Amino acid sequence: MMDKSTYLATVPSEIYERRHERFVVKRPASLLTISNGLGGISERRATLIDISIAGAGLDVSVIFGLPEHYYLRIDGLPNRIGCAEVHRSGNRVGVKFLATIDEALIHKIIRADYLKGR
């Protein structure tokens, strides 16, 4: 007896693997890292490419020496969001948030991006 599924049933798709809706934005941001021994905070410039309540995609200006855990600060917002890196490709970084962020914050980010005409 033949299996009723097709070969397409086994093709991985980002659409079905993501749990949360992603929103495409282009917002300036910073990655804040804490030095060894809590010696200080360093900051790197980045661009927020997309975001969901559970993670984000970033374009980072300088990848060299970037640890796997850091804080994301989006320009114009007071929040610092704890991040764990899940993948890195060139200057692109994908992170998941240590705790999901509030939907009100997502709406603020999207609204500000829209009002800037991006």
N, C-alpha and C. Protein backbone atom coordinates (compact mmCIF):
# COMPACT_ATOMS: atom_id res chain seq x y z
N MET A 1 0.84 -1.18 0.00
CA MET A 1 0.00 0.00 0.00
C MET A 1 0.89 1.24 0.00
N MET A 2 0.55 2.21 -0.82
CA MET A 2 1.34 3.42 -0.96
C MET A 2 0.95 4.46 0.08
N ASP A 3 1.97 5.18 0.53
CA ASP A 3 1.75 6.27 1.47
C ASP A 3 1.04 7.40 0.74
N LYS A 4 0.03 8.00 1.36
CA LYS A 4 -0.76 9.05 0.72
C LYS A 4 -0.07 10.41 0.72
N SER A 5 1.02 10.57 1.49
CA SER A 5 1.70 11.87 1.51
C SER A 5 2.57 12.01 0.26
N THR A 6 2.90 13.23 -0.08
CA THR A 6 3.74 13.50 -1.24
C THR A 6 5.14 13.86 -0.77
N TYR A 7 6.04 14.01 -1.71
CA TYR A 7 7.41 14.40 -1.36
C TYR A 7 7.43 15.80 -0.75
N LEU A 8 6.41 16.61 -1.06
CA LEU A 8 6.36 17.97 -0.52
C LEU A 8 6.13 17.98 0.99
N ALA A 9 5.58 16.90 1.52
CA ALA A 9 5.32 16.83 2.96
C ALA A 9 6.62 16.77 3.76
N THR A 10 7.71 16.41 3.13
CA THR A 10 8.98 16.30 3.86
C THR A 10 9.91 17.47 3.59
N VAL A 11 9.50 18.42 2.75
CA VAL A 11 10.34 19.58 2.44
C VAL A 11 10.20 20.58 3.58
N PRO A 12 11.31 20.94 4.22
CA PRO A 12 11.21 21.91 5.32
C PRO A 12 10.84 23.30 4.79
N SER A 13 10.01 23.99 5.52
CA SER A 13 9.60 25.33 5.12
C SER A 13 9.59 26.23 6.34
N GLU A 14 10.19 27.41 6.20
CA GLU A 14 10.25 28.37 7.29
C GLU A 14 8.85 28.80 7.72
N ILE A 15 7.92 28.78 6.80
CA ILE A 15 6.54 29.20 7.10
C ILE A 15 5.94 28.31 8.19
N TYR A 16 6.17 27.00 8.10
CA TYR A 16 5.56 26.08 9.03
C TYR A 16 6.38 25.88 10.29
N GLU A 17 7.66 26.22 10.26
CA GLU A 17 8.53 26.00 11.41
C GLU A 17 8.50 27.15 12.40
N ARG A 18 8.13 28.34 11.97
CA ARG A 18 8.09 29.50 12.88
C ARG A 18 6.80 29.47 13.69
N ARG A 19 6.93 29.79 14.95
CA ARG A 19 5.77 29.79 15.84
C ARG A 19 5.10 31.15 15.92
N HIS A 20 5.87 32.21 15.67
CA HIS A 20 5.35 33.57 15.84
C HIS A 20 5.49 34.36 14.55
N GLU A 21 4.55 35.25 14.33
CA GLU A 21 4.58 36.08 13.14
C GLU A 21 5.76 37.04 13.19
N ARG A 22 6.48 37.15 12.08
CA ARG A 22 7.62 38.06 11.98
C ARG A 22 7.21 39.29 11.21
N PHE A 23 7.75 40.43 11.64
CA PHE A 23 7.46 41.69 11.00
C PHE A 23 8.76 42.27 10.45
N VAL A 24 8.74 42.64 9.19
CA VAL A 24 9.93 43.20 8.55
C VAL A 24 10.00 44.69 8.91
N VAL A 25 11.13 45.07 9.46
CA VAL A 25 11.37 46.46 9.85
C VAL A 25 12.80 46.82 9.48
N LYS A 26 13.13 48.08 9.58
CA LYS A 26 14.52 48.50 9.39
C LYS A 26 14.77 49.61 10.40
N ARG A 27 15.20 49.19 11.58
CA ARG A 27 15.39 50.13 12.68
C ARG A 27 16.82 50.09 13.17
N PRO A 28 17.43 51.25 13.44
CA PRO A 28 18.76 51.26 14.03
C PRO A 28 18.70 50.71 15.45
N ALA A 29 19.73 49.98 15.83
CA ALA A 29 19.78 49.34 17.14
C ALA A 29 21.23 49.21 17.60
N SER A 30 21.39 48.76 18.83
CA SER A 30 22.72 48.49 19.39
C SER A 30 22.71 47.15 20.07
N LEU A 31 23.85 46.48 20.05
CA LEU A 31 24.04 45.25 20.81
C LEU A 31 24.97 45.59 21.96
N LEU A 32 24.51 45.34 23.17
CA LEU A 32 25.29 45.64 24.36
C LEU A 32 25.85 44.35 24.93
N THR A 33 27.17 44.29 25.08
CA THR A 33 27.82 43.11 25.64
C THR A 33 28.54 43.50 26.91
N ILE A 34 28.56 42.58 27.86
CA ILE A 34 29.23 42.81 29.13
C ILE A 34 30.60 42.14 29.07
N SER A 35 31.62 42.90 29.41
CA SER A 35 33.00 42.39 29.38
C SER A 35 33.20 41.32 30.45
N ASN A 36 34.24 40.50 30.25
CA ASN A 36 34.58 39.46 31.23
C ASN A 36 34.80 40.08 32.59
N GLY A 37 34.35 39.41 33.62
CA GLY A 37 34.52 39.91 34.97
C GLY A 37 33.68 41.14 35.26
N LEU A 38 32.63 41.34 34.46
CA LEU A 38 31.73 42.50 34.60
C LEU A 38 32.51 43.81 34.57
N GLY A 39 33.55 43.84 33.74
CA GLY A 39 34.43 45.00 33.66
C GLY A 39 33.88 46.19 32.92
N GLY A 40 32.79 46.05 32.24
CA GLY A 40 32.21 47.17 31.51
C GLY A 40 31.29 46.69 30.41
N ILE A 41 30.66 47.64 29.77
CA ILE A 41 29.71 47.34 28.69
C ILE A 41 30.27 47.92 27.39
N SER A 42 30.26 47.09 26.35
CA SER A 42 30.63 47.60 25.03
C SER A 42 29.39 47.58 24.14
N GLU A 43 29.40 48.45 23.15
CA GLU A 43 28.23 48.62 22.29
C GLU A 43 28.64 48.51 20.83
N ARG A 44 27.83 47.80 20.04
CA ARG A 44 28.03 47.69 18.59
C ARG A 44 26.77 48.15 17.90
N ARG A 45 26.93 48.82 16.79
CA ARG A 45 25.79 49.27 16.01
C ARG A 45 25.25 48.10 15.18
N ALA A 46 23.94 48.09 15.00
CA ALA A 46 23.27 47.06 14.22
C ALA A 46 22.00 47.65 13.62
N THR A 47 21.43 46.91 12.69
CA THR A 47 20.14 47.27 12.12
C THR A 47 19.19 46.12 12.36
N LEU A 48 18.05 46.42 12.95
CA LEU A 48 17.02 45.42 13.17
C LEU A 48 16.33 45.18 11.83
N ILE A 49 16.38 43.95 11.34
CA ILE A 49 15.81 43.61 10.03
C ILE A 49 14.38 43.08 10.16
N ASP A 50 14.17 42.19 11.10
CA ASP A 50 12.83 41.67 11.37
C ASP A 50 12.72 41.31 12.84
N ILE A 51 11.47 41.20 13.31
CA ILE A 51 11.25 40.95 14.73
C ILE A 51 9.94 40.20 14.93
N SER A 52 9.90 39.36 15.96
CA SER A 52 8.68 38.72 16.44
C SER A 52 8.71 38.84 17.96
N ILE A 53 7.71 38.30 18.64
CA ILE A 53 7.72 38.38 20.09
C ILE A 53 8.78 37.47 20.70
N ALA A 54 9.34 36.56 19.90
CA ALA A 54 10.31 35.60 20.43
C ALA A 54 11.73 35.75 19.89
N GLY A 55 11.95 36.56 18.85
CA GLY A 55 13.28 36.69 18.29
C GLY A 55 13.37 37.77 17.23
N ALA A 56 14.58 37.88 16.66
CA ALA A 56 14.80 38.95 15.68
C ALA A 56 15.92 38.58 14.73
N GLY A 57 15.97 39.27 13.61
CA GLY A 57 17.07 39.18 12.66
C GLY A 57 17.78 40.53 12.65
N LEU A 58 19.12 40.49 12.67
CA LEU A 58 19.91 41.72 12.76
C LEU A 58 21.00 41.72 11.72
N ASP A 59 21.34 42.91 11.27
CA ASP A 59 22.51 43.11 10.42
C ASP A 59 23.50 43.89 11.30
N VAL A 60 24.63 43.25 11.64
CA VAL A 60 25.57 43.81 12.60
C VAL A 60 26.78 44.37 11.86
N SER A 61 27.19 45.57 12.25
CA SER A 61 28.31 46.22 11.55
C SER A 61 29.62 45.46 11.73
N VAL A 62 29.93 45.01 12.95
CA VAL A 62 31.17 44.28 13.23
C VAL A 62 30.84 43.01 14.00
N ILE A 63 31.07 41.86 13.37
CA ILE A 63 30.77 40.56 13.98
C ILE A 63 31.94 40.05 14.84
N PHE A 64 33.15 40.40 14.46
CA PHE A 64 34.33 39.86 15.11
C PHE A 64 34.29 40.09 16.63
N GLY A 65 34.44 39.01 17.39
CA GLY A 65 34.47 39.09 18.84
C GLY A 65 33.10 39.20 19.50
N LEU A 66 32.03 39.10 18.72
CA LEU A 66 30.69 39.19 19.29
C LEU A 66 30.36 37.88 20.01
N PRO A 67 30.03 37.93 21.30
CA PRO A 67 29.67 36.69 22.02
C PRO A 67 28.31 36.17 21.57
N GLU A 68 27.89 35.06 22.14
CA GLU A 68 26.61 34.45 21.75
C GLU A 68 25.43 34.98 22.56
N HIS A 69 25.69 35.73 23.62
CA HIS A 69 24.62 36.30 24.44
C HIS A 69 24.88 37.79 24.62
N TYR A 70 23.84 38.60 24.46
CA TYR A 70 23.97 40.05 24.58
C TYR A 70 22.59 40.67 24.74
N TYR A 71 22.57 41.98 24.88
CA TYR A 71 21.32 42.72 24.98
C TYR A 71 21.09 43.51 23.70
N LEU A 72 19.85 43.56 23.27
CA LEU A 72 19.45 44.35 22.11
C LEU A 72 18.76 45.61 22.62
N ARG A 73 19.23 46.74 22.15
CA ARG A 73 18.59 48.02 22.45
C ARG A 73 18.21 48.67 21.13
N ILE A 74 16.93 48.89 20.95
CA ILE A 74 16.42 49.50 19.72
C ILE A 74 16.37 51.01 19.94
N ASP A 75 16.96 51.77 19.03
CA ASP A 75 17.01 53.22 19.16
C ASP A 75 15.61 53.80 19.37
N GLY A 76 15.50 54.71 20.32
CA GLY A 76 14.23 55.36 20.61
C GLY A 76 13.39 54.65 21.66
N LEU A 77 13.83 53.48 22.10
CA LEU A 77 13.09 52.73 23.12
C LEU A 77 13.99 52.48 24.33
N PRO A 78 13.45 52.52 25.54
CA PRO A 78 14.28 52.34 26.73
C PRO A 78 14.61 50.88 27.04
N ASN A 79 13.93 49.94 26.39
CA ASN A 79 14.07 48.51 26.72
C ASN A 79 15.42 47.95 26.31
N ARG A 80 15.92 47.03 27.13
CA ARG A 80 17.06 46.19 26.76
C ARG A 80 16.54 44.76 26.76
N ILE A 81 16.69 44.10 25.63
CA ILE A 81 16.12 42.76 25.46
C ILE A 81 17.26 41.75 25.46
N GLY A 82 17.22 40.80 26.39
CA GLY A 82 18.23 39.75 26.46
C GLY A 82 18.10 38.80 25.28
N CYS A 83 19.24 38.48 24.61
CA CYS A 83 19.24 37.67 23.40
C CYS A 83 20.24 36.53 23.48
N ALA A 84 19.89 35.43 22.86
CA ALA A 84 20.80 34.31 22.64
C ALA A 84 20.86 34.07 21.14
N GLU A 85 22.06 34.06 20.60
CA GLU A 85 22.24 33.89 19.16
C GLU A 85 21.90 32.46 18.75
N VAL A 86 21.15 32.33 17.64
CA VAL A 86 20.81 31.00 17.12
C VAL A 86 21.49 30.70 15.80
N HIS A 87 21.84 31.74 15.04
CA HIS A 87 22.63 31.51 13.82
C HIS A 87 23.34 32.80 13.41
N ARG A 88 24.40 32.60 12.64
CA ARG A 88 25.22 33.72 12.16
C ARG A 88 25.65 33.41 10.75
N SER A 89 25.45 34.36 9.83
CA SER A 89 25.85 34.17 8.44
C SER A 89 26.34 35.53 7.91
N GLY A 90 27.64 35.64 7.72
CA GLY A 90 28.20 36.93 7.31
C GLY A 90 27.95 37.94 8.41
N ASN A 91 27.35 39.06 8.06
CA ASN A 91 27.01 40.08 9.06
C ASN A 91 25.58 39.94 9.59
N ARG A 92 24.88 38.92 9.12
CA ARG A 92 23.50 38.68 9.59
C ARG A 92 23.52 37.76 10.80
N VAL A 93 22.69 38.11 11.79
CA VAL A 93 22.60 37.34 13.02
C VAL A 93 21.12 37.11 13.32
N GLY A 94 20.80 35.89 13.72
CA GLY A 94 19.45 35.57 14.17
C GLY A 94 19.50 35.29 15.65
N VAL A 95 18.60 35.91 16.42
CA VAL A 95 18.59 35.72 17.86
C VAL A 95 17.21 35.30 18.33
N LYS A 96 17.20 34.60 19.46
CA LYS A 96 15.94 34.37 20.15
C LYS A 96 16.03 35.16 21.45
N PHE A 97 14.90 35.67 21.89
CA PHE A 97 14.87 36.45 23.10
C PHE A 97 14.82 35.51 24.30
N LEU A 98 15.49 35.89 25.37
CA LEU A 98 15.51 35.07 26.58
C LEU A 98 14.12 34.97 27.19
N ALA A 99 13.30 35.97 26.99
CA ALA A 99 11.89 35.96 27.40
C ALA A 99 11.11 36.66 26.28
N THR A 100 9.94 36.15 25.97
CA THR A 100 9.15 36.78 24.91
C THR A 100 8.83 38.21 25.30
N ILE A 101 8.77 39.07 24.29
CA ILE A 101 8.48 40.47 24.58
C ILE A 101 6.99 40.74 24.42
N ASP A 102 6.56 41.78 25.03
CA ASP A 102 5.16 42.17 25.04
C ASP A 102 4.71 42.60 23.64
N GLU A 103 3.50 42.24 23.27
CA GLU A 103 2.98 42.63 21.96
C GLU A 103 2.88 44.14 21.82
N ALA A 104 2.69 44.85 22.91
CA ALA A 104 2.63 46.31 22.85
C ALA A 104 3.96 46.88 22.37
N LEU A 105 5.07 46.27 22.79
CA LEU A 105 6.39 46.71 22.34
C LEU A 105 6.57 46.44 20.85
N ILE A 106 6.12 45.28 20.38
CA ILE A 106 6.18 44.97 18.95
C ILE A 106 5.42 46.03 18.15
N HIS A 107 4.23 46.37 18.61
CA HIS A 107 3.41 47.36 17.90
C HIS A 107 4.11 48.72 17.89
N LYS A 108 4.77 49.09 18.99
CA LYS A 108 5.51 50.35 19.05
C LYS A 108 6.63 50.37 18.00
N ILE A 109 7.34 49.26 17.88
CA ILE A 109 8.46 49.16 16.93
C ILE A 109 7.95 49.26 15.50
N ILE A 110 6.90 48.54 15.19
CA ILE A 110 6.33 48.54 13.85
C ILE A 110 5.76 49.90 13.50
N ARG A 111 5.04 50.50 14.44
CA ARG A 111 4.42 51.80 14.22
C ARG A 111 5.49 52.87 13.96
N ALA A 112 6.56 52.86 14.76
CA ALA A 112 7.63 53.85 14.59
C ALA A 112 8.31 53.66 13.24
N ASP A 113 8.50 52.41 12.82
CA ASP A 113 9.12 52.13 11.53
C ASP A 113 8.22 52.62 10.39
N TYR A 114 6.92 52.39 10.52
CA TYR A 114 5.97 52.81 9.50
C TYR A 114 5.92 54.33 9.39
N LEU A 115 5.92 55.02 10.54
CA LEU A 115 5.84 56.49 10.53
C LEU A 115 7.09 57.13 9.93
N LYS A 116 8.22 56.43 9.95
CA LYS A 116 9.43 56.95 9.34
C LYS A 116 9.45 56.71 7.83
N GLY A 117 8.43 55.99 7.33
CA GLY A 117 8.30 55.79 5.89
C GLY A 117 9.22 54.73 5.32
N ARG A 118 9.51 53.71 6.09
CA ARG A 118 10.40 52.66 5.60
C ARG A 118 9.62 51.51 5.07
